[in-house]
Amino acid sequence: MSKIRSDWERYERLVAQLVARQLSTEYCVTPNARVRGAISRRKRQIDVLIDLRHDTDNSRRIIIDAKARARRIDVTHVEAFRGLMEDVGATHGYLVCPQGHTLAAERRSQDAVSIRLLPLDRLEDFDPSAWPDCMVAGCLGGKIFWSGYPSIDMHAVPLYGRSDEMHRLSFVHYVGKCDRCHHFHVRCMTCRQMFSPPYDSDDDDGHQCRCRNPWFWLASIETDDMGRKSAELHCVMATHGGVRVQTVDRRSM
């Protein structure tokens, strides 16, 4: 186990992984996120951020605070968390802890905050240091957190035989982000190539894997109706009718 990964950091990553496995594909997960607060005007650290995956819409944001502490959650933790939710515009929040909570904390949480238990012994078989290394130059110790597995489906007609014999071909990819620098990563499961499209470059023309199929990956920064920014990863595909763009991963900024 890497010494860089402390128990509290592993606990955060474990929570993120469990959430990503249980969520609908409508949502995407970002561990160790940074979001600018609307009230504080400062970058706020969020252990686990949950966004809508396909739309530039931050109105249904959910955040999670993972507290790997030896004591129960009390009312002060809930109040501080509710303040964070208000600052970053979260509609709901989860406090995850191993030791439970006080009655006052439960009363203060009300409907906006849910408190969940996750024992520390779940860390025994969890090793995020085995995740792939971030490919971005200058990122020290970053690991790729895969949060989605989009499939690109195509229909092909055989060169020989009946013209109406259509075959469906599916190309599965892994998409995710570095848990430190947050840059997007894509891995093609056909040729196994992995790359990182930059979201902060105006000169980037997109990235293809060795398969050279009729699509490429492009990242950008978008703004919602409230002026809040998001980094987004898009799959751009050539079709008979022109070009189709699908947002496959996001993270609020």
Foldseek 3Di string as FASTA:
>chain_A
DDPVQDLQLLQLLVVQVVCLVPDDLQKWKAAQDWAQFPVVRGTDTFGMKIAGFWDQDRQAIETEDEDADPDAAEQVNLVVVVVVCNRRNHQAYEYEYAYYHDPRNVVNNPPRYYYYHDHSVVSVPGDQLPADADPDPPDPSWGWDFRDKDKDKDWDADPDDDRPPIDIDIWIKTWTATNGPGFIKIATPVVRDIDTAGAPDPPDPFDDDPVPAQKTKHWYWDADPVRWIKIWIWIWGQDPVGIDITTNGMDTD
